[in-house]
N, C-alpha and C. Protein backbone atom coordinates (compact mmCIF):
# COMPACT_ATOMS: atom_id res chain seq x y z
N MET A 1 0.86 -0.88 0.07
CA MET A 1 0.02 0.11 -0.45
C MET A 1 0.54 1.19 0.28
N GLY A 2 0.61 2.24 -0.72
CA GLY A 2 1.47 3.61 -0.90
C GLY A 2 0.36 4.48 -1.36
N GLY A 3 0.74 5.78 -0.91
CA GLY A 3 0.31 7.18 -1.47
C GLY A 3 1.06 7.21 -3.70
N ILE A 4 0.47 8.04 -4.13
CA ILE A 4 1.06 8.48 -5.29
C ILE A 4 1.10 9.61 -5.54
N ASP A 5 1.75 9.80 -6.14
CA ASP A 5 2.23 11.39 -6.12
C ASP A 5 2.57 12.12 -4.58
N GLY A 6 2.91 12.33 -4.31
CA GLY A 6 3.01 12.63 -2.32
C GLY A 6 2.11 12.44 -1.47
N LEU A 7 1.24 12.01 -2.41
CA LEU A 7 0.33 11.74 -1.13
C LEU A 7 -0.24 10.51 -0.38
N PRO A 8 -0.04 10.85 1.03
CA PRO A 8 -0.07 9.29 2.21
C PRO A 8 -1.50 8.37 2.01
N PRO A 9 -1.20 7.16 1.98
CA PRO A 9 -2.75 6.65 1.70
C PRO A 9 -3.57 6.50 2.94
N PHE A 10 -3.20 7.99 4.04
CA PHE A 10 -3.71 7.87 5.07
C PHE A 10 -3.82 8.86 4.94
N SER A 11 -4.74 10.28 5.20
CA SER A 11 -5.35 11.87 5.88
C SER A 11 -4.17 11.69 7.57
N THR A 12 -5.58 10.98 7.77
CA THR A 12 -5.30 10.60 9.68
C THR A 12 -5.34 9.86 10.41
N VAL A 13 -4.28 9.58 11.46
CA VAL A 13 -4.07 8.56 12.01
C VAL A 13 -6.07 7.54 12.63
N PRO A 14 -6.61 9.05 12.74
CA PRO A 14 -8.30 8.46 12.92
C PRO A 14 -8.53 7.06 11.54
N GLN A 15 -8.63 7.48 10.83
CA GLN A 15 -8.57 7.23 9.60
C GLN A 15 -7.34 5.56 9.02
N ALA A 16 -6.13 6.20 9.66
CA ALA A 16 -5.78 4.68 9.29
C ALA A 16 -6.84 3.88 10.24
N LEU A 17 -6.37 3.77 11.14
CA LEU A 17 -7.29 3.23 11.98
C LEU A 17 -8.46 2.38 11.73
N THR A 18 -9.41 3.25 10.33
CA THR A 18 -10.01 2.28 10.37
C THR A 18 -10.60 1.48 9.63
N TYR A 19 -9.55 1.94 8.67
CA TYR A 19 -9.25 0.78 7.79
C TYR A 19 -7.63 -0.48 7.65
N GLU A 20 -7.53 0.17 8.40
CA GLU A 20 -6.16 -1.17 9.33
C GLU A 20 -6.13 -1.62 10.99
N ASN A 21 -5.87 -3.06 10.59
CA ASN A 21 -5.64 -2.84 12.05
C ASN A 21 -4.68 -4.34 12.11
N GLY A 22 -4.11 -4.57 13.58
CA GLY A 22 -3.57 -4.80 13.94
C GLY A 22 -0.80 -4.60 14.37
N LEU A 23 -1.75 -2.93 13.72
CA LEU A 23 -0.33 -2.82 14.13
C LEU A 23 -0.10 -1.80 15.46
N PRO A 24 0.57 -1.74 16.05
CA PRO A 24 0.81 -1.10 17.44
C PRO A 24 0.72 -0.32 17.10
N PRO A 25 0.29 0.80 18.25
CA PRO A 25 -0.17 2.10 18.18
C PRO A 25 0.44 2.66 18.09
N GLY A 26 1.69 3.08 17.98
CA GLY A 26 2.83 3.86 17.45
C GLY A 26 2.76 4.19 15.54
N TYR A 27 2.75 2.86 14.91
CA TYR A 27 2.95 2.78 13.71
C TYR A 27 1.80 3.41 12.86
N TYR A 28 1.07 3.65 13.05
CA TYR A 28 -0.45 3.97 12.62
C TYR A 28 0.02 5.55 11.56
N LYS A 29 0.38 6.11 12.52
CA LYS A 29 1.45 7.18 11.94
C LYS A 29 1.70 7.51 10.67
N TYR A 30 3.19 6.27 11.00
CA TYR A 30 3.50 5.93 8.97
C TYR A 30 2.73 5.78 8.46
N LEU A 31 1.57 5.56 8.12
CA LEU A 31 0.32 5.10 6.97
C LEU A 31 -0.58 6.53 6.51
N THR A 32 0.39 8.50 7.48
CA THR A 32 0.00 9.43 7.13
C THR A 32 0.96 9.94 6.58
N THR A 33 2.03 8.89 5.81
CA THR A 33 3.50 10.20 6.05
C THR A 33 3.69 9.66 4.50
N GLY A 34 4.55 9.92 3.55
CA GLY A 34 5.10 9.45 2.45
C GLY A 34 4.18 9.28 1.52
N ALA A 35 4.54 8.96 0.64
CA ALA A 35 4.03 8.06 -0.44
C ALA A 35 4.19 7.97 -1.86
N VAL A 36 4.36 7.16 -3.08
CA VAL A 36 5.26 7.03 -4.20
C VAL A 36 5.19 8.18 -5.29
N PRO A 37 6.01 9.36 -5.09
CA PRO A 37 6.46 10.43 -6.80
C PRO A 37 5.09 9.59 -6.96
N ALA A 38 4.76 10.80 -7.85
CA ALA A 38 4.42 10.10 -9.50
C ALA A 38 5.41 9.66 -11.17
N TYR A 39 6.51 10.34 -10.59
CA TYR A 39 7.89 10.13 -11.83
C TYR A 39 8.70 9.26 -11.04
N LEU A 40 8.11 8.13 -10.04
CA LEU A 40 8.62 6.62 -10.17
C LEU A 40 7.35 5.95 -10.67
N ILE A 41 6.27 5.45 -11.00
CA ILE A 41 5.74 4.89 -11.28
C ILE A 41 5.77 4.56 -12.63
N GLY A 42 6.16 2.97 -13.19
CA GLY A 42 6.66 2.59 -14.21
C GLY A 42 8.21 2.74 -14.36
N ASN A 43 8.81 3.31 -13.49
CA ASN A 43 10.97 3.74 -13.90
C ASN A 43 11.62 3.45 -12.50
N PRO A 44 12.53 2.74 -12.67
CA PRO A 44 13.04 2.40 -11.57
C PRO A 44 13.21 4.02 -10.57
N ASP A 45 13.79 3.77 -9.03
CA ASP A 45 13.56 4.38 -8.11
C ASP A 45 14.76 4.46 -7.87
N MET A 46 14.89 5.99 -8.20
CA MET A 46 16.94 6.69 -8.02
C MET A 46 16.96 6.74 -6.71
N ARG A 47 16.07 6.30 -6.11
CA ARG A 47 15.99 7.21 -4.30
C ARG A 47 17.44 5.85 -3.67
N ILE A 48 16.65 4.20 -4.98
CA ILE A 48 17.64 3.72 -3.99
C ILE A 48 19.76 3.63 -4.22
N TYR A 49 20.65 4.04 -3.48
CA TYR A 49 21.72 4.68 -3.33
C TYR A 49 22.23 4.11 -2.71
N TYR A 50 23.04 3.37 -3.14
CA TYR A 50 24.00 2.71 -2.46
C TYR A 50 25.54 2.42 -2.78
N ASP A 51 26.52 2.11 -2.00
CA ASP A 51 27.55 2.92 -1.67
C ASP A 51 28.35 3.11 -3.28
N GLY A 52 27.93 4.27 -3.28
CA GLY A 52 28.38 4.64 -4.88
C GLY A 52 27.63 4.08 -6.12
N ASN A 53 26.89 3.75 -6.23
CA ASN A 53 26.14 2.68 -6.66
C ASN A 53 24.48 3.00 -7.09
N ASP A 54 24.01 3.89 -8.37
CA ASP A 54 22.84 3.76 -8.16
C ASP A 54 21.65 2.37 -7.98
N VAL A 55 20.47 2.35 -8.18
CA VAL A 55 19.27 1.10 -8.47
C VAL A 55 19.42 0.43 -10.03
N SER A 56 20.40 1.55 -10.97
CA SER A 56 20.33 0.54 -12.19
C SER A 56 22.01 -0.08 -11.96
N HIS A 57 22.76 -0.06 -11.33
CA HIS A 57 24.36 -0.46 -10.49
C HIS A 57 24.37 -1.13 -9.77
N LEU A 58 23.52 -2.17 -9.30
CA LEU A 58 24.15 -1.84 -8.19
C LEU A 58 24.48 -3.15 -8.00
N PRO A 59 25.94 -3.77 -7.24
CA PRO A 59 26.00 -5.27 -7.29
C PRO A 59 25.40 -5.96 -6.56
N PRO A 60 25.62 -7.29 -6.95
CA PRO A 60 25.49 -8.57 -6.26
C PRO A 60 24.93 -8.63 -4.89
N GLY A 61 23.76 -9.01 -4.37
CA GLY A 61 23.86 -9.18 -2.83
C GLY A 61 22.56 -7.71 -1.97
N PRO A 62 22.73 -8.47 -0.40
CA PRO A 62 22.24 -7.23 0.10
C PRO A 62 22.13 -5.93 -0.29
N TYR A 63 21.56 -4.84 0.10
CA TYR A 63 21.96 -3.80 0.30
C TYR A 63 21.40 -2.64 1.10
N GLN A 64 21.73 -1.84 1.42
CA GLN A 64 21.29 -1.18 2.88
C GLN A 64 19.87 0.16 2.19
N LEU A 65 18.87 0.16 2.50
CA LEU A 65 18.23 1.48 1.91
C LEU A 65 18.17 2.74 2.07
N THR A 66 18.95 3.53 3.68
CA THR A 66 18.76 4.43 4.08
C THR A 66 20.36 5.04 3.72
N ASN A 67 21.43 4.27 2.63
CA ASN A 67 22.36 5.16 2.25
C ASN A 67 22.99 5.89 3.56
N LYS A 68 23.30 4.95 4.59
CA LYS A 68 24.78 5.60 5.08
C LYS A 68 25.88 5.41 4.60
N VAL A 69 26.39 4.60 3.61
CA VAL A 69 27.32 4.46 3.28
C VAL A 69 27.77 6.29 2.37
N ASN A 70 27.42 6.61 2.11
CA ASN A 70 26.90 7.85 1.32
C ASN A 70 25.78 9.06 2.04
N PRO A 71 26.01 9.24 3.20
CA PRO A 71 24.41 9.66 3.64
C PRO A 71 23.92 11.46 2.98
N THR A 72 25.26 11.52 2.02
CA THR A 72 24.68 13.39 1.11
C THR A 72 24.53 13.03 -0.56
N GLY A 73 24.10 11.04 -0.46
CA GLY A 73 23.51 11.25 -1.46
C GLY A 73 21.19 10.85 -1.46
N PRO A 74 20.99 10.70 -3.00
CA PRO A 74 19.35 9.58 -2.03
C PRO A 74 19.38 9.00 -1.49
N THR A 75 18.35 8.89 -1.14
CA THR A 75 18.29 7.33 0.38
C THR A 75 16.53 7.85 0.54
N LEU A 76 16.06 6.47 0.83
CA LEU A 76 15.02 5.85 1.81
C LEU A 76 14.86 6.25 3.09
N ASN A 77 13.85 6.69 3.08
CA ASN A 77 14.25 6.55 4.97
C ASN A 77 12.71 5.73 5.33
N TYR A 78 12.63 5.18 6.88
CA TYR A 78 12.24 4.77 6.92
C TYR A 78 10.68 4.60 6.43
N ASP A 79 9.91 6.13 6.94
CA ASP A 79 8.53 5.65 6.77
C ASP A 79 8.73 5.99 4.77
N ASP A 80 8.79 6.58 4.66
CA ASP A 80 9.21 6.00 2.70
C ASP A 80 8.53 4.78 2.11
N TYR A 81 7.31 4.97 1.47
CA TYR A 81 6.85 3.79 0.30
C TYR A 81 7.52 3.53 -1.10
N ALA A 82 7.88 2.89 -0.51
CA ALA A 82 9.19 1.85 -1.89
C ALA A 82 8.52 0.49 -2.62
N GLU A 83 9.25 -0.01 -3.92
CA GLU A 83 8.54 -0.83 -4.10
C GLU A 83 8.63 -2.11 -3.46
N SER A 84 8.36 -2.68 -3.21
CA SER A 84 7.34 -3.96 -2.09
C SER A 84 7.72 -5.47 -2.72
N PRO A 85 8.54 -6.13 -1.68
CA PRO A 85 8.57 -7.62 -3.12
C PRO A 85 7.00 -8.14 -3.39
N VAL A 86 6.88 -9.51 -3.72
CA VAL A 86 5.56 -9.63 -3.97
C VAL A 86 4.62 -10.25 -2.70
N HIS A 87 3.56 -10.15 -2.91
CA HIS A 87 2.31 -11.03 -1.62
C HIS A 87 1.79 -11.60 -2.39
N ARG A 88 2.17 -12.36 -3.63
CA ARG A 88 1.05 -13.27 -3.58
C ARG A 88 1.27 -13.89 -3.28
N PHE A 89 0.22 -15.07 -3.04
CA PHE A 89 0.17 -16.52 -2.13
C PHE A 89 1.52 -17.29 -2.89
N TYR A 90 1.12 -17.60 -3.87
CA TYR A 90 2.05 -18.47 -5.00
C TYR A 90 3.34 -17.96 -5.91
N GLN A 91 3.84 -16.55 -5.95
CA GLN A 91 4.35 -15.98 -6.07
C GLN A 91 5.33 -16.62 -4.25
N MET A 92 4.92 -15.77 -2.84
CA MET A 92 5.59 -16.58 -1.35
C MET A 92 6.25 -17.30 -1.39
N TRP A 93 4.87 -18.56 -1.88
CA TRP A 93 5.95 -20.28 -1.91
C TRP A 93 7.35 -19.97 -2.59
N GLN A 94 6.89 -19.49 -4.00
CA GLN A 94 8.58 -19.69 -4.47
C GLN A 94 9.89 -19.36 -3.91
N GLN A 95 9.00 -17.83 -3.55
CA GLN A 95 10.55 -17.26 -2.13
C GLN A 95 10.48 -17.55 -1.05
N LEU A 96 9.74 -18.42 -0.57
CA LEU A 96 10.28 -19.18 0.37
C LEU A 96 10.71 -20.42 0.09
N ASP A 97 11.07 -20.60 -1.32
CA ASP A 97 12.00 -21.93 -1.36
C ASP A 97 11.97 -23.42 -0.40
N CYS A 98 10.80 -24.04 0.21
CA CYS A 98 10.23 -25.05 0.70
C CYS A 98 10.38 -26.42 0.39
N THR A 99 10.96 -27.44 0.95
CA THR A 99 10.84 -28.89 0.37
C THR A 99 11.18 -29.35 1.70
N ALA A 100 10.49 -30.49 2.21
CA ALA A 100 10.57 -30.93 3.26
C ALA A 100 11.42 -32.27 3.62
N GLU A 101 12.34 -31.95 2.74
CA GLU A 101 13.91 -32.40 3.29
C GLU A 101 14.35 -31.31 4.39
N ALA A 102 15.27 -30.12 3.20
CA ALA A 102 15.72 -28.71 3.10
C ALA A 102 15.02 -28.51 4.47
N GLY A 103 13.44 -27.49 4.50
CA GLY A 103 13.42 -26.94 5.31
C GLY A 103 13.16 -26.25 3.58
N CYS A 104 12.79 -24.19 4.80
CA CYS A 104 12.56 -23.39 4.22
C CYS A 104 13.84 -22.35 3.45
N GLN A 105 14.34 -22.75 2.89
CA GLN A 105 15.54 -21.91 2.27
C GLN A 105 15.34 -20.45 2.04
N ASN A 106 14.12 -20.04 1.58
CA ASN A 106 14.11 -17.87 1.38
C ASN A 106 15.37 -17.81 0.82
N ASP A 107 15.29 -18.37 -0.42
CA ASP A 107 16.69 -18.04 -1.23
C ASP A 107 16.33 -17.56 -2.29
N LEU A 108 14.98 -17.53 -3.05
CA LEU A 108 14.17 -17.02 -4.23
C LEU A 108 13.59 -16.20 -4.41
N PHE A 109 13.79 -14.35 -3.22
CA PHE A 109 12.85 -13.74 -3.36
C PHE A 109 13.70 -12.63 -4.94
N PRO A 110 15.11 -12.70 -4.89
CA PRO A 110 15.08 -11.84 -6.71
C PRO A 110 15.07 -12.28 -7.60
N TRP A 111 14.88 -13.85 -7.30
CA TRP A 111 14.48 -14.86 -8.74
C TRP A 111 13.42 -14.45 -8.79
N VAL A 112 11.96 -14.73 -7.82
CA VAL A 112 11.08 -14.81 -8.34
C VAL A 112 10.58 -12.76 -8.90
N GLU A 113 10.75 -11.97 -7.98
CA GLU A 113 10.41 -10.73 -8.18
C GLU A 113 11.50 -10.45 -9.80
N ALA A 114 12.54 -11.22 -10.44
CA ALA A 114 13.09 -10.98 -11.75
C ALA A 114 12.61 -11.66 -12.42
N THR A 115 11.63 -12.56 -12.45
CA THR A 115 11.31 -13.52 -14.30
C THR A 115 9.81 -13.77 -13.63
N VAL A 116 9.36 -13.49 -11.86
CA VAL A 116 7.39 -13.30 -12.25
C VAL A 116 7.00 -11.80 -11.85
N GLY A 117 7.74 -10.69 -10.74
CA GLY A 117 7.10 -10.04 -10.64
C GLY A 117 5.85 -10.50 -10.06
N ALA A 118 4.79 -9.64 -9.79
CA ALA A 118 3.75 -9.41 -9.11
C ALA A 118 2.85 -10.27 -10.28
N GLY A 119 3.32 -11.45 -11.56
CA GLY A 119 2.66 -11.69 -11.86
C GLY A 119 1.30 -11.23 -12.83
N GLY A 120 0.88 -12.58 -14.01
CA GLY A 120 -0.14 -11.61 -15.16
C GLY A 120 -1.08 -12.93 -14.64
N ASN A 121 -1.40 -13.19 -13.08
CA ASN A 121 -2.28 -14.30 -13.38
C ASN A 121 -2.50 -15.73 -14.68
N GLY A 122 -1.36 -15.97 -14.46
CA GLY A 122 -0.79 -17.07 -14.90
C GLY A 122 -0.84 -16.97 -16.72
N LYS A 123 -1.10 -15.15 -16.87
CA LYS A 123 -0.73 -14.82 -18.15
C LYS A 123 0.88 -14.47 -18.29
N PRO A 124 0.91 -14.56 -19.86
CA PRO A 124 2.39 -14.24 -19.97
C PRO A 124 2.48 -13.09 -20.14
N PRO A 125 3.55 -12.41 -19.82
CA PRO A 125 3.55 -10.18 -20.08
C PRO A 125 3.72 -10.34 -21.58
N PRO A 126 2.93 -9.09 -21.30
CA PRO A 126 3.48 -8.23 -22.84
C PRO A 126 4.33 -8.37 -23.69
N ALA A 127 4.71 -8.14 -25.10
CA ALA A 127 5.94 -8.43 -25.53
C ALA A 127 6.42 -6.66 -25.27
N GLY A 128 7.94 -7.16 -24.77
CA GLY A 128 9.27 -6.47 -25.01
C GLY A 128 8.68 -5.83 -23.40
N PHE A 129 7.95 -6.32 -22.34
CA PHE A 129 7.50 -6.16 -20.93
C PHE A 129 8.88 -6.69 -19.94
N THR A 130 9.63 -5.93 -19.47
CA THR A 130 11.08 -5.99 -18.48
C THR A 130 10.72 -5.99 -17.18
N TYR A 131 10.91 -6.60 -16.35
CA TYR A 131 10.43 -7.30 -14.82
C TYR A 131 11.43 -6.20 -13.95
N GLN A 132 11.31 -5.02 -13.77
CA GLN A 132 12.65 -4.54 -13.13
C GLN A 132 12.68 -4.68 -11.14
N GLU A 133 11.81 -5.16 -10.58
CA GLU A 133 11.63 -5.61 -9.01
C GLU A 133 12.00 -6.84 -8.82
N GLY A 134 13.98 -7.48 -9.30
CA GLY A 134 14.62 -7.93 -9.25
C GLY A 134 15.85 -7.31 -7.80
N ALA A 135 16.14 -6.28 -7.88
CA ALA A 135 16.40 -5.67 -6.16
C ALA A 135 15.71 -5.46 -5.30
N THR A 136 15.39 -4.85 -5.27
CA THR A 136 14.12 -5.13 -4.26
C THR A 136 13.92 -6.36 -3.72
N ALA A 137 13.84 -6.84 -3.60
CA ALA A 137 13.92 -7.96 -2.31
C ALA A 137 15.48 -8.28 -1.48
N MET A 138 15.90 -7.43 -2.05
CA MET A 138 17.92 -7.27 -1.34
C MET A 138 17.65 -6.42 -0.50
N GLY A 139 16.55 -5.33 -0.68
CA GLY A 139 17.31 -3.65 0.45
C GLY A 139 17.08 -4.16 1.60
N PHE A 140 17.58 -3.77 2.16
CA PHE A 140 16.86 -3.88 4.25
C PHE A 140 17.17 -2.98 4.57
N TYR A 141 16.72 -2.43 6.24
CA TYR A 141 17.22 -1.79 6.80
C TYR A 141 17.99 -1.92 8.05
N ASN A 142 19.16 -1.32 7.50
CA ASN A 142 20.30 -1.57 9.13
C ASN A 142 19.63 -1.33 10.40
N VAL A 143 19.11 -2.03 10.90
CA VAL A 143 18.58 -1.79 12.74
C VAL A 143 19.94 -1.58 13.63
N GLN A 144 20.98 -1.54 13.30
CA GLN A 144 21.99 -2.12 14.30
C GLN A 144 22.93 -0.39 13.57
N GLN A 145 22.39 0.53 12.43
CA GLN A 145 22.82 1.66 12.51
C GLN A 145 21.25 2.40 12.65
N GLY A 146 20.50 2.33 13.24
CA GLY A 146 19.22 3.07 13.75
C GLY A 146 18.94 3.55 13.14
N ASP A 147 18.30 2.63 11.47
CA ASP A 147 17.44 2.39 10.66
C ASP A 147 15.65 2.84 10.16
N VAL A 148 15.90 1.80 11.63
CA VAL A 148 14.29 1.38 12.23
C VAL A 148 14.16 2.42 13.63
N PRO A 149 13.10 3.23 13.92
CA PRO A 149 12.80 3.50 15.59
C PRO A 149 12.67 2.53 16.60
N SER A 150 13.02 2.06 17.74
CA SER A 150 13.21 1.92 18.39
C SER A 150 11.76 1.60 18.84
N PRO A 151 11.04 -0.19 19.30
CA PRO A 151 10.04 -0.42 19.75
C PRO A 151 9.56 1.21 20.63
N THR A 152 9.93 1.44 22.51
CA THR A 152 10.05 2.36 22.79
C THR A 152 9.95 3.89 22.29
N HIS A 153 10.09 3.88 20.33
CA HIS A 153 10.05 5.49 19.94
C HIS A 153 8.75 5.75 19.30
N ILE A 154 8.12 4.57 18.95
CA ILE A 154 7.49 4.76 18.24
C ILE A 154 6.14 4.39 19.17
N ARG A 155 6.06 3.43 19.96
CA ARG A 155 4.58 3.91 21.40
C ARG A 155 3.80 5.42 21.35
């Protein structure tokens, strides 16, 4: 969920409480801030910048969303809306990569994002379409560097 063109998904915390449930009380304020800028719709998220590389040139592996390596470059904050890994049932099963013998490997998140994306309900993608979500699953917030507010901060 996220707003578009600078508008958050909800205007007030009471409105967020009406439509969302189950979050710790301090989290509802984050549903009233941030949004996805219109210029990002259908384009790579140039706010993703890690270790001197923009989103189109990230090295293989995980990357820190908040850009503590070069804090003067573009960055994502904790309450910014950004791309989100696939949350559809079968794609989530694929991402977890579970078998009875090995358990869940949790190793196919980027592969599913790059090859299936949100999926087309069994339909092939349109001609010329390229999935641009592969790196999304590799972004993380670094709790040890204070990227995420402590539970006492958000209450």
